[in-house]
Amino acid sequence: MTDYTRYERARILGARSLQIAMGAPTFVESDSREPIDIAKKEMEENRLPITVKR
């Protein structure tokens, strides 16, 4: 996992959770139906379709 600040992590997970909740395709298999759990699993597996520009 890339080193994100806690603020970047919160922003990324929030944005990705919203995308998933609105019907965006997911990039991991998950037993959970909660968007935040799916986004966390994507982050853990480095499968996020989001980049951070610093």
PDB file of N, CA and C in Angstrom:
ATOM      1  N   MET A   1       0.842  -1.174   0.000  1.00  0.00           N
ATOM      2  CA  MET A   1       0.000   0.000   0.000  1.00  0.00           C
ATOM      3  C   MET A   1       0.890   1.241   0.000  1.00  0.00           C
ATOM      4  N   THR A   2       0.531   2.188  -0.809  1.00  0.00           N
ATOM      5  CA  THR A   2       1.268   3.439  -0.883  1.00  0.00           C
ATOM      6  C   THR A   2       1.088   4.201   0.430  1.00  0.00           C
ATOM      7  N   ASP A   3       2.102   4.961   0.805  1.00  0.00           N
ATOM      8  CA  ASP A   3       2.014   5.739   2.041  1.00  0.00           C
ATOM      9  C   ASP A   3       1.195   6.994   1.800  1.00  0.00           C
ATOM     10  N   TYR A   4      -0.023   6.986   2.312  1.00  0.00           N
ATOM     11  CA  TYR A   4      -0.898   8.143   2.254  1.00  0.00           C
ATOM     12  C   TYR A   4      -0.998   8.750   3.634  1.00  0.00           C
ATOM     13  N   THR A   5      -1.203  10.070   3.697  1.00  0.00           N
ATOM     14  CA  THR A   5      -1.497  10.674   4.995  1.00  0.00           C
ATOM     15  C   THR A   5      -2.886  10.228   5.398  1.00  0.00           C
ATOM     16  N   ARG A   6      -3.233  10.404   6.647  1.00  0.00           N
ATOM     17  CA  ARG A   6      -4.568   9.978   7.085  1.00  0.00           C
ATOM     18  C   ARG A   6      -5.656  10.788   6.387  1.00  0.00           C
ATOM     19  N   TYR A   7      -5.335  12.014   6.008  1.00  0.00           N
ATOM     20  CA  TYR A   7      -6.313  12.858   5.314  1.00  0.00           C
ATOM     21  C   TYR A   7      -6.516  12.379   3.878  1.00  0.00           C
ATOM     22  N   GLU A   8      -5.417  12.021   3.222  1.00  0.00           N
ATOM     23  CA  GLU A   8      -5.522  11.472   1.866  1.00  0.00           C
ATOM     24  C   GLU A   8      -6.295  10.164   1.887  1.00  0.00           C
ATOM     25  N   ARG A   9      -5.981   9.321   2.862  1.00  0.00           N
ATOM     26  CA  ARG A   9      -6.663   8.029   2.986  1.00  0.00           C
ATOM     27  C   ARG A   9      -8.169   8.225   3.172  1.00  0.00           C
ATOM     28  N   ALA A  10      -8.559   9.141   4.051  1.00  0.00           N
ATOM     29  CA  ALA A  10      -9.976   9.403   4.306  1.00  0.00           C
ATOM     30  C   ALA A  10     -10.661   9.936   3.043  1.00  0.00           C
ATOM     31  N   ARG A  11     -10.014  10.831   2.351  1.00  0.00           N
ATOM     32  CA  ARG A  11     -10.592  11.429   1.142  1.00  0.00           C
ATOM     33  C   ARG A  11     -10.739  10.388   0.038  1.00  0.00           C
ATOM     34  N   ILE A  12      -9.721   9.559  -0.140  1.00  0.00           N
ATOM     35  CA  ILE A  12      -9.747   8.523  -1.169  1.00  0.00           C
ATOM     36  C   ILE A  12     -10.842   7.505  -0.875  1.00  0.00           C
ATOM     37  N   LEU A  13     -10.897   7.026   0.366  1.00  0.00           N
ATOM     38  CA  LEU A  13     -11.909   6.025   0.711  1.00  0.00           C
ATOM     39  C   LEU A  13     -13.319   6.594   0.591  1.00  0.00           C
ATOM     40  N   GLY A  14     -13.490   7.847   0.978  1.00  0.00           N
ATOM     41  CA  GLY A  14     -14.808   8.476   0.850  1.00  0.00           C
ATOM     42  C   GLY A  14     -15.234   8.624  -0.595  1.00  0.00           C
ATOM     43  N   ALA A  15     -14.316   9.090  -1.429  1.00  0.00           N
ATOM     44  CA  ALA A  15     -14.622   9.282  -2.853  1.00  0.00           C
ATOM     45  C   ALA A  15     -14.893   7.951  -3.537  1.00  0.00           C
ATOM     46  N   ARG A  16     -14.070   6.958  -3.256  1.00  0.00           N
ATOM     47  CA  ARG A  16     -14.246   5.639  -3.895  1.00  0.00           C
ATOM     48  C   ARG A  16     -15.518   4.961  -3.397  1.00  0.00           C
ATOM     49  N   SER A  17     -15.843   5.110  -2.114  1.00  0.00           N
ATOM     50  CA  SER A  17     -17.079   4.536  -1.575  1.00  0.00           C
ATOM     51  C   SER A  17     -18.300   5.128  -2.275  1.00  0.00           C
ATOM     52  N   LEU A  18     -18.261   6.423  -2.502  1.00  0.00           N
ATOM     53  CA  LEU A  18     -19.362   7.080  -3.197  1.00  0.00           C
ATOM     54  C   LEU A  18     -19.495   6.561  -4.621  1.00  0.00           C
ATOM     55  N   GLN A  19     -18.366   6.397  -5.300  1.00  0.00           N
ATOM     56  CA  GLN A  19     -18.402   5.859  -6.661  1.00  0.00           C
ATOM     57  C   GLN A  19     -19.032   4.468  -6.676  1.00  0.00           C
ATOM     58  N   ILE A  20     -18.622   3.614  -5.737  1.00  0.00           N
ATOM     59  CA  ILE A  20     -19.147   2.252  -5.673  1.00  0.00           C
ATOM     60  C   ILE A  20     -20.638   2.273  -5.362  1.00  0.00           C
ATOM     61  N   ALA A  21     -21.047   3.136  -4.435  1.00  0.00           N
ATOM     62  CA  ALA A  21     -22.459   3.242  -4.074  1.00  0.00           C
ATOM     63  C   ALA A  21     -23.312   3.695  -5.260  1.00  0.00           C
ATOM     64  N   MET A  22     -22.713   4.475  -6.151  1.00  0.00           N
ATOM     65  CA  MET A  22     -23.446   4.965  -7.320  1.00  0.00           C
ATOM     66  C   MET A  22     -23.388   3.996  -8.494  1.00  0.00           C
ATOM     67  N   GLY A  23     -22.771   2.824  -8.299  1.00  0.00           N
ATOM     68  CA  GLY A  23     -22.795   1.796  -9.320  1.00  0.00           C
ATOM     69  C   GLY A  23     -21.514   1.571 -10.104  1.00  0.00           C
ATOM     70  N   ALA A  24     -20.417   2.188  -9.696  1.00  0.00           N
ATOM     71  CA  ALA A  24     -19.151   1.994 -10.397  1.00  0.00           C
ATOM     72  C   ALA A  24     -18.688   0.547 -10.241  1.00  0.00           C
ATOM     73  N   PRO A  25     -18.001   0.018 -11.239  1.00  0.00           N
ATOM     74  CA  PRO A  25     -17.496  -1.355 -11.120  1.00  0.00           C
ATOM     75  C   PRO A  25     -16.412  -1.440 -10.045  1.00  0.00           C
ATOM     76  N   THR A  26     -16.343  -2.600  -9.391  1.00  0.00           N
ATOM     77  CA  THR A  26     -15.324  -2.804  -8.367  1.00  0.00           C
ATOM     78  C   THR A  26     -14.183  -3.620  -8.955  1.00  0.00           C
ATOM     79  N   PHE A  27     -13.020  -3.537  -8.320  1.00  0.00           N
ATOM     80  CA  PHE A  27     -11.823  -4.192  -8.830  1.00  0.00           C
ATOM     81  C   PHE A  27     -11.337  -5.324  -7.937  1.00  0.00           C
ATOM     82  N   VAL A  28     -12.157  -5.696  -6.943  1.00  0.00           N
ATOM     83  CA  VAL A  28     -11.838  -6.824  -6.060  1.00  0.00           C
ATOM     84  C   VAL A  28     -13.115  -7.614  -5.807  1.00  0.00           C
ATOM     85  N   GLU A  29     -12.943  -8.871  -5.444  1.00  0.00           N
ATOM     86  CA  GLU A  29     -14.068  -9.690  -5.009  1.00  0.00           C
ATOM     87  C   GLU A  29     -14.235  -9.474  -3.514  1.00  0.00           C
ATOM     88  N   SER A  30     -15.477  -9.283  -3.065  1.00  0.00           N
ATOM     89  CA  SER A  30     -15.718  -9.041  -1.651  1.00  0.00           C
ATOM     90  C   SER A  30     -17.032  -9.675  -1.235  1.00  0.00           C
ATOM     91  N   ASP A  31     -17.044 -10.220  -0.026  1.00  0.00           N
ATOM     92  CA  ASP A  31     -18.272 -10.775   0.531  1.00  0.00           C
ATOM     93  C   ASP A  31     -19.176  -9.661   1.043  1.00  0.00           C
ATOM     94  N   SER A  32     -18.599  -8.542   1.384  1.00  0.00           N
ATOM     95  CA  SER A  32     -19.348  -7.419   1.934  1.00  0.00           C
ATOM     96  C   SER A  32     -20.095  -6.675   0.831  1.00  0.00           C
ATOM     97  N   ARG A  33     -21.240  -6.124   1.190  1.00  0.00           N
ATOM     98  CA  ARG A  33     -22.009  -5.313   0.258  1.00  0.00           C
ATOM     99  C   ARG A  33     -21.879  -3.824   0.578  1.00  0.00           C
ATOM    100  N   GLU A  34     -21.128  -3.505   1.643  1.00  0.00           N
ATOM    101  CA  GLU A  34     -20.931  -2.118   2.041  1.00  0.00           C
ATOM    102  C   GLU A  34     -19.856  -1.459   1.181  1.00  0.00           C
ATOM    103  N   PRO A  35     -20.157  -0.334   0.562  1.00  0.00           N
ATOM    104  CA  PRO A  35     -19.179   0.335  -0.303  1.00  0.00           C
ATOM    105  C   PRO A  35     -17.866   0.683   0.398  1.00  0.00           C
ATOM    106  N   ILE A  36     -17.929   1.090   1.671  1.00  0.00           N
ATOM    107  CA  ILE A  36     -16.700   1.462   2.379  1.00  0.00           C
ATOM    108  C   ILE A  36     -15.798   0.246   2.573  1.00  0.00           C
ATOM    109  N   ASP A  37     -16.388  -0.915   2.837  1.00  0.00           N
ATOM    110  CA  ASP A  37     -15.588  -2.133   3.015  1.00  0.00           C
ATOM    111  C   ASP A  37     -14.931  -2.549   1.703  1.00  0.00           C
ATOM    112  N   ILE A  38     -15.653  -2.404   0.614  1.00  0.00           N
ATOM    113  CA  ILE A  38     -15.098  -2.737  -0.699  1.00  0.00           C
ATOM    114  C   ILE A  38     -13.955  -1.778  -1.040  1.00  0.00           C
ATOM    115  N   ALA A  39     -14.145  -0.481  -0.761  1.00  0.00           N
ATOM    116  CA  ALA A  39     -13.102   0.508  -1.023  1.00  0.00           C
ATOM    117  C   ALA A  39     -11.854   0.227  -0.184  1.00  0.00           C
ATOM    118  N   LYS A  40     -12.039  -0.161   1.075  1.00  0.00           N
ATOM    119  CA  LYS A  40     -10.896  -0.497   1.937  1.00  0.00           C
ATOM    120  C   LYS A  40     -10.146  -1.701   1.383  1.00  0.00           C
ATOM    121  N   LYS A  41     -10.878  -2.702   0.909  1.00  0.00           N
ATOM    122  CA  LYS A  41     -10.225  -3.887   0.360  1.00  0.00           C
ATOM    123  C   LYS A  41      -9.459  -3.530  -0.915  1.00  0.00           C
ATOM    124  N   GLU A  42     -10.040  -2.660  -1.754  1.00  0.00           N
ATOM    125  CA  GLU A  42      -9.333  -2.202  -2.952  1.00  0.00           C
ATOM    126  C   GLU A  42      -8.037  -1.493  -2.567  1.00  0.00           C
ATOM    127  N   MET A  43      -8.084  -0.686  -1.522  1.00  0.00           N
ATOM    128  CA  MET A  43      -6.888   0.039  -1.088  1.00  0.00           C
ATOM    129  C   MET A  43      -5.838  -0.941  -0.551  1.00  0.00           C
ATOM    130  N   GLU A  44      -6.266  -1.913   0.232  1.00  0.00           N
ATOM    131  CA  GLU A  44      -5.335  -2.907   0.784  1.00  0.00           C
ATOM    132  C   GLU A  44      -4.631  -3.694  -0.321  1.00  0.00           C
ATOM    133  N   GLU A  45      -5.360  -3.981  -1.401  1.00  0.00           N
ATOM    134  CA  GLU A  45      -4.807  -4.779  -2.494  1.00  0.00           C
ATOM    135  C   GLU A  45      -4.187  -3.936  -3.604  1.00  0.00           C
ATOM    136  N   ASN A  46      -4.049  -2.610  -3.364  1.00  0.00           N
ATOM    137  CA  ASN A  46      -3.481  -1.698  -4.362  1.00  0.00           C
ATOM    138  C   ASN A  46      -4.214  -1.755  -5.691  1.00  0.00           C
ATOM    139  N   ARG A  47      -5.525  -1.806  -5.653  1.00  0.00           N
ATOM    140  CA  ARG A  47      -6.330  -1.900  -6.868  1.00  0.00           C
ATOM    141  C   ARG A  47      -7.200  -0.652  -7.062  1.00  0.00           C
ATOM    142  N   LEU A  48      -6.850   0.450  -6.424  1.00  0.00           N
ATOM    143  CA  LEU A  48      -7.644   1.670  -6.525  1.00  0.00           C
ATOM    144  C   LEU A  48      -7.442   2.364  -7.874  1.00  0.00           C
ATOM    145  N   PRO A  49      -8.529   2.783  -8.505  1.00  0.00           N
ATOM    146  CA  PRO A  49      -8.408   3.530  -9.765  1.00  0.00           C
ATOM    147  C   PRO A  49      -8.289   5.043  -9.509  1.00  0.00           C
ATOM    148  N   ILE A  50      -7.638   5.413  -8.419  1.00  0.00           N
ATOM    149  CA  ILE A  50      -7.528   6.821  -8.017  1.00  0.00           C
ATOM    150  C   ILE A  50      -6.048   7.135  -7.796  1.00  0.00           C
ATOM    151  N   THR A  51      -5.612   8.290  -8.246  1.00  0.00           N
ATOM    152  CA  THR A  51      -4.243   8.725  -7.998  1.00  0.00           C
ATOM    153  C   THR A  51      -4.262   9.998  -7.171  1.00  0.00           C
ATOM    154  N   VAL A  52      -3.190  10.232  -6.446  1.00  0.00           N
ATOM    155  CA  VAL A  52      -3.060  11.437  -5.623  1.00  0.00           C
ATOM    156  C   VAL A  52      -1.979  12.298  -6.236  1.00  0.00           C
ATOM    157  N   LYS A  53      -2.336  13.527  -6.529  1.00  0.00           N
ATOM    158  CA  LYS A  53      -1.372  14.479  -7.068  1.00  0.00           C
ATOM    159  C   LYS A  53      -0.964  15.407  -5.931  1.00  0.00           C
ATOM    160  N   ARG A  54       0.324  15.453  -5.645  1.00  0.00           N
ATOM    161  CA  ARG A  54       0.809  16.284  -4.538  1.00  0.00           C
ATOM    162  C   ARG A  54       1.523  17.496  -5.050  1.00  0.00           C
TER     163      ARG A  54
END
